[in-house]
Structure formats: structure tokens, C-alpha cells
Amino acid sequence: MTHDTFMPSAWMMPVLIQDAPQGGGLIGGPSSTTTQQPASTADGGAGAGQTARPSGGMDMMFMILVLFGGMLLITMFSGRKDKKRRKEMMASLGKKDKIRTAGGIIGTIVEMKGDEVLIETDRASHTRLWLAKGSIATVEKHAKSVESTEEETQSTGA
């Protein structure tokens, strides 16, 4: 037995049978040549008993384009909502708002100048940091809710 002879194993047999030509012979054998019937007759119409069907490739391409367009629209609209929500949050920032940055720093806004914000992270040691406004991820509590909470604790504690 030489190495150049091909011996199919048992697990390859179904594949070979499926790929076998309609004539029933081996691939490349004398019975592998098949005759093809013409797609149309001499008068230009479809053959007897045959109907012309469009290829399935165009239908598949259309479905892919529709799905891609749908995903694109969903992405655009959800992005618009996020941008609008973030713009409203940035516009509502004010002094004494408790914020959290993208890096995880939590602090209270002390001062605002243009695109920069001074936050206080620790009252006891007066630790303050200047941050870019864009680094603010969320507003934990607005100043109005912080003031009302302080008033409630003072009224119940007195």
C-alpha cells in the first residue's frame, strides 16, 4: 500500500455518497458526465413543464439588507436617546450635586468653570479635584434632594 492511494474511511462514506454525481459512478468516472437540458426552447419561452424561477441569492441578499437596515435604525435611535439624556444631565449640573465620574470617583460639586468642575471628595480633609465635565458619568443626587435630606435629618434630630 503506497501513500498516494486514497482509502476513504467509514465516516467519509456519507459525504462521498452525497457528493456523487447523478449518474451513480465515481467522481471523474465515465458515468459522471450528465446531459443538461436547455433552459429555453427556440421560441424564447420556457421549456415544457419548466417554469423560470429567479435565483434564491437575490432574495437572501434582500433579507440581509433589510436586517442590516433595521439594526442600523435601532442603533441610531437608541444613540439619540442616550445623547439627549446625557445633554439634559450635563445642563442640570449645579453646585452641591453629588456625582460619580467614569473612573469611579464620587464627590460633591463645589465650583464650575466652563468645561471644568471642582469636586470635593472628602469633607474632613478638604480633598478637592478639578475634573473635565465630560468625565462625569452620573449624577447621584441633585442639590435640591441633598438639601431636603439635610432638612429632614435636622428636623428629626432636633
Protein backbone atom coordinates (compact mmCIF):
# COMPACT_ATOMS: atom_id res chain seq x y z
CA MET A 1 0.00 0.00 0.00
CA THR A 2 1.50 3.30 -1.07
CA HIS A 3 0.82 6.68 0.47
CA ASP A 4 -0.60 8.15 -2.72
CA THR A 5 -3.66 5.87 -2.85
CA PHE A 6 -6.80 7.21 -1.25
CA MET A 7 -8.67 4.90 1.09
CA PRO A 8 -11.86 6.55 2.42
CA SER A 9 -12.78 5.70 5.96
CA ALA A 10 -16.27 4.79 7.12
CA TRP A 11 -17.10 8.28 8.38
CA MET A 12 -16.33 9.77 4.95
CA MET A 13 -18.67 7.49 3.02
CA PRO A 14 -21.86 9.55 3.53
CA VAL A 15 -20.02 12.62 2.27
CA LEU A 16 -18.82 10.78 -0.82
CA ILE A 17 -22.30 9.43 -1.48
CA GLN A 18 -23.85 12.89 -1.19
CA ASP A 19 -21.24 14.41 -3.47
CA ALA A 20 -21.53 11.63 -6.04
CA PRO A 21 -22.84 12.67 -9.47
CA GLN A 22 -26.34 11.75 -10.57
CA GLY A 23 -25.04 9.04 -12.94
CA GLY A 24 -24.12 6.90 -9.96
CA GLY A 25 -20.44 6.45 -10.87
CA LEU A 26 -17.38 7.59 -9.07
CA ILE A 27 -16.28 11.20 -9.29
CA GLY A 28 -14.38 11.63 -12.52
CA GLY A 29 -15.52 8.24 -13.82
CA PRO A 30 -17.08 7.60 -17.22
CA SER A 31 -20.67 7.83 -15.94
CA SER A 32 -20.11 11.19 -14.25
CA THR A 33 -20.94 13.18 -17.35
CA THR A 34 -24.55 14.29 -17.35
CA THR A 35 -26.57 15.88 -20.09
CA GLN A 36 -28.15 19.21 -19.36
CA GLN A 37 -31.48 20.23 -20.84
CA PRO A 38 -31.69 23.70 -22.39
CA ALA A 39 -33.34 26.34 -20.21
CA SER A 40 -35.48 27.70 -23.02
CA THR A 41 -36.87 26.50 -26.32
CA ALA A 42 -36.25 28.01 -29.71
CA ASP A 43 -39.30 30.31 -29.47
CA GLY A 44 -37.84 32.05 -26.37
CA GLY A 45 -40.35 30.68 -23.86
CA ALA A 46 -39.80 28.28 -21.01
CA GLY A 47 -39.40 24.60 -21.78
CA ALA A 48 -42.32 22.20 -21.49
CA GLY A 49 -43.18 21.71 -17.84
CA GLN A 50 -40.44 24.06 -16.68
CA THR A 51 -41.03 27.44 -15.07
CA ALA A 52 -38.36 30.09 -14.87
CA ARG A 53 -37.61 30.96 -11.23
CA PRO A 54 -35.40 33.77 -10.02
CA SER A 55 -32.35 32.67 -8.13
CA GLY A 56 -32.58 32.47 -4.34
CA GLY A 57 -29.47 34.61 -3.99
CA MET A 58 -31.34 37.85 -4.62
CA ASP A 59 -33.97 37.00 -2.01
CA MET A 60 -31.25 36.24 0.52
CA MET A 61 -29.41 39.47 -0.30
CA PHE A 62 -32.64 41.45 0.13
CA MET A 63 -33.29 39.88 3.55
CA ILE A 64 -29.73 40.62 4.70
CA LEU A 65 -30.08 44.25 3.61
CA VAL A 66 -33.43 44.60 5.40
CA LEU A 67 -31.99 43.13 8.63
CA PHE A 68 -28.89 45.32 8.39
CA GLY A 69 -31.05 48.42 7.82
CA GLY A 70 -33.24 47.53 10.82
CA MET A 71 -30.25 47.11 13.11
CA LEU A 72 -28.82 50.41 11.87
CA LEU A 73 -32.06 52.26 12.63
CA ILE A 74 -32.33 50.74 16.11
CA THR A 75 -28.74 51.72 16.85
CA MET A 76 -29.27 55.29 15.61
CA PHE A 77 -32.43 55.86 17.63
CA SER A 78 -31.02 54.40 20.85
CA GLY A 79 -27.91 56.56 20.41
CA ARG A 80 -30.06 59.66 20.05
CA LYS A 81 -31.89 58.90 23.28
CA ASP A 82 -28.60 58.43 25.15
CA LYS A 83 -27.17 61.68 23.76
CA LYS A 84 -30.33 63.58 24.71
CA ARG A 85 -30.36 62.12 28.24
CA ARG A 86 -26.66 62.97 28.73
CA LYS A 87 -27.14 66.50 27.41
CA GLU A 88 -30.02 67.07 29.85
CA MET A 89 -27.91 65.69 32.71
CA MET A 90 -24.99 68.00 31.87
CA ALA A 91 -27.32 71.00 31.61
CA SER A 92 -28.83 70.24 35.02
CA LEU A 93 -25.48 70.07 36.86
CA GLY A 94 -25.11 72.55 39.70
CA LYS A 95 -23.27 73.20 42.92
CA LYS A 96 -23.74 70.66 45.73
CA ASP A 97 -24.75 67.90 43.28
CA LYS A 98 -23.29 64.53 44.23
CA ILE A 99 -21.68 62.98 41.14
CA ARG A 100 -19.76 59.87 40.07
CA THR A 101 -17.06 60.03 37.40
CA ALA A 102 -16.27 57.46 34.72
CA GLY A 103 -13.25 56.46 36.80
CA GLY A 104 -15.41 55.79 39.86
CA ILE A 105 -14.58 58.91 41.90
CA ILE A 106 -17.57 60.10 43.94
CA GLY A 107 -17.75 63.68 45.09
CA THR A 108 -19.81 66.84 45.51
CA ILE A 109 -19.57 69.73 43.05
CA VAL A 110 -18.09 72.83 44.71
CA GLU A 111 -17.39 75.06 41.72
CA MET A 112 -17.98 75.06 37.96
CA LYS A 113 -15.92 76.97 35.34
CA GLY A 114 -16.70 76.31 31.68
CA ASP A 115 -15.87 72.68 30.91
CA GLU A 116 -14.23 72.06 34.28
CA VAL A 117 -15.74 71.08 37.61
CA LEU A 118 -14.21 71.24 41.08
CA ILE A 119 -15.43 68.41 43.28
CA GLU A 120 -14.87 67.70 46.93
CA THR A 121 -14.33 64.02 47.62
CA ASP A 122 -13.70 64.20 51.39
CA ARG A 123 -15.04 66.94 53.66
CA ALA A 124 -12.86 66.08 56.64
CA SER A 125 -9.58 66.53 54.75
CA HIS A 126 -10.97 69.02 52.19
CA THR A 127 -9.77 66.88 49.30
CA ARG A 128 -10.73 68.61 46.05
CA LEU A 129 -10.18 67.67 42.42
CA TRP A 130 -10.58 69.57 39.15
CA LEU A 131 -12.23 67.35 36.54
CA ALA A 132 -13.42 67.73 32.99
CA LYS A 133 -17.21 67.89 32.73
CA GLY A 134 -17.12 65.06 30.18
CA SER A 135 -15.73 62.67 32.78
CA ILE A 136 -18.94 62.82 34.83
CA ALA A 137 -20.81 59.56 34.34
CA THR A 138 -23.88 60.03 36.54
CA VAL A 139 -25.47 62.42 38.99
CA GLU A 140 -26.12 60.50 42.20
CA LYS A 141 -28.16 63.25 43.93
CA HIS A 142 -29.14 66.72 42.82
CA ALA A 143 -28.59 69.66 45.20
CA LYS A 144 -32.34 70.05 45.84
CA SER A 145 -32.68 66.45 47.02
CA VAL A 146 -29.50 66.79 49.12
CA GLU A 147 -30.84 69.95 50.82
CA SER A 148 -34.23 68.35 51.52
CA THR A 149 -32.49 65.31 53.04
CA GLU A 150 -30.37 67.58 55.27
CA GLU A 151 -33.50 69.47 56.39
CA GLU A 152 -35.26 66.18 57.24
CA THR A 153 -32.33 64.96 59.32
CA GLN A 154 -32.10 68.31 61.15
CA SER A 155 -35.83 68.42 61.90
CA THR A 156 -35.94 64.81 63.17
CA GLY A 157 -32.69 65.14 65.12
CA ALA A 158 -33.65 68.39 66.93
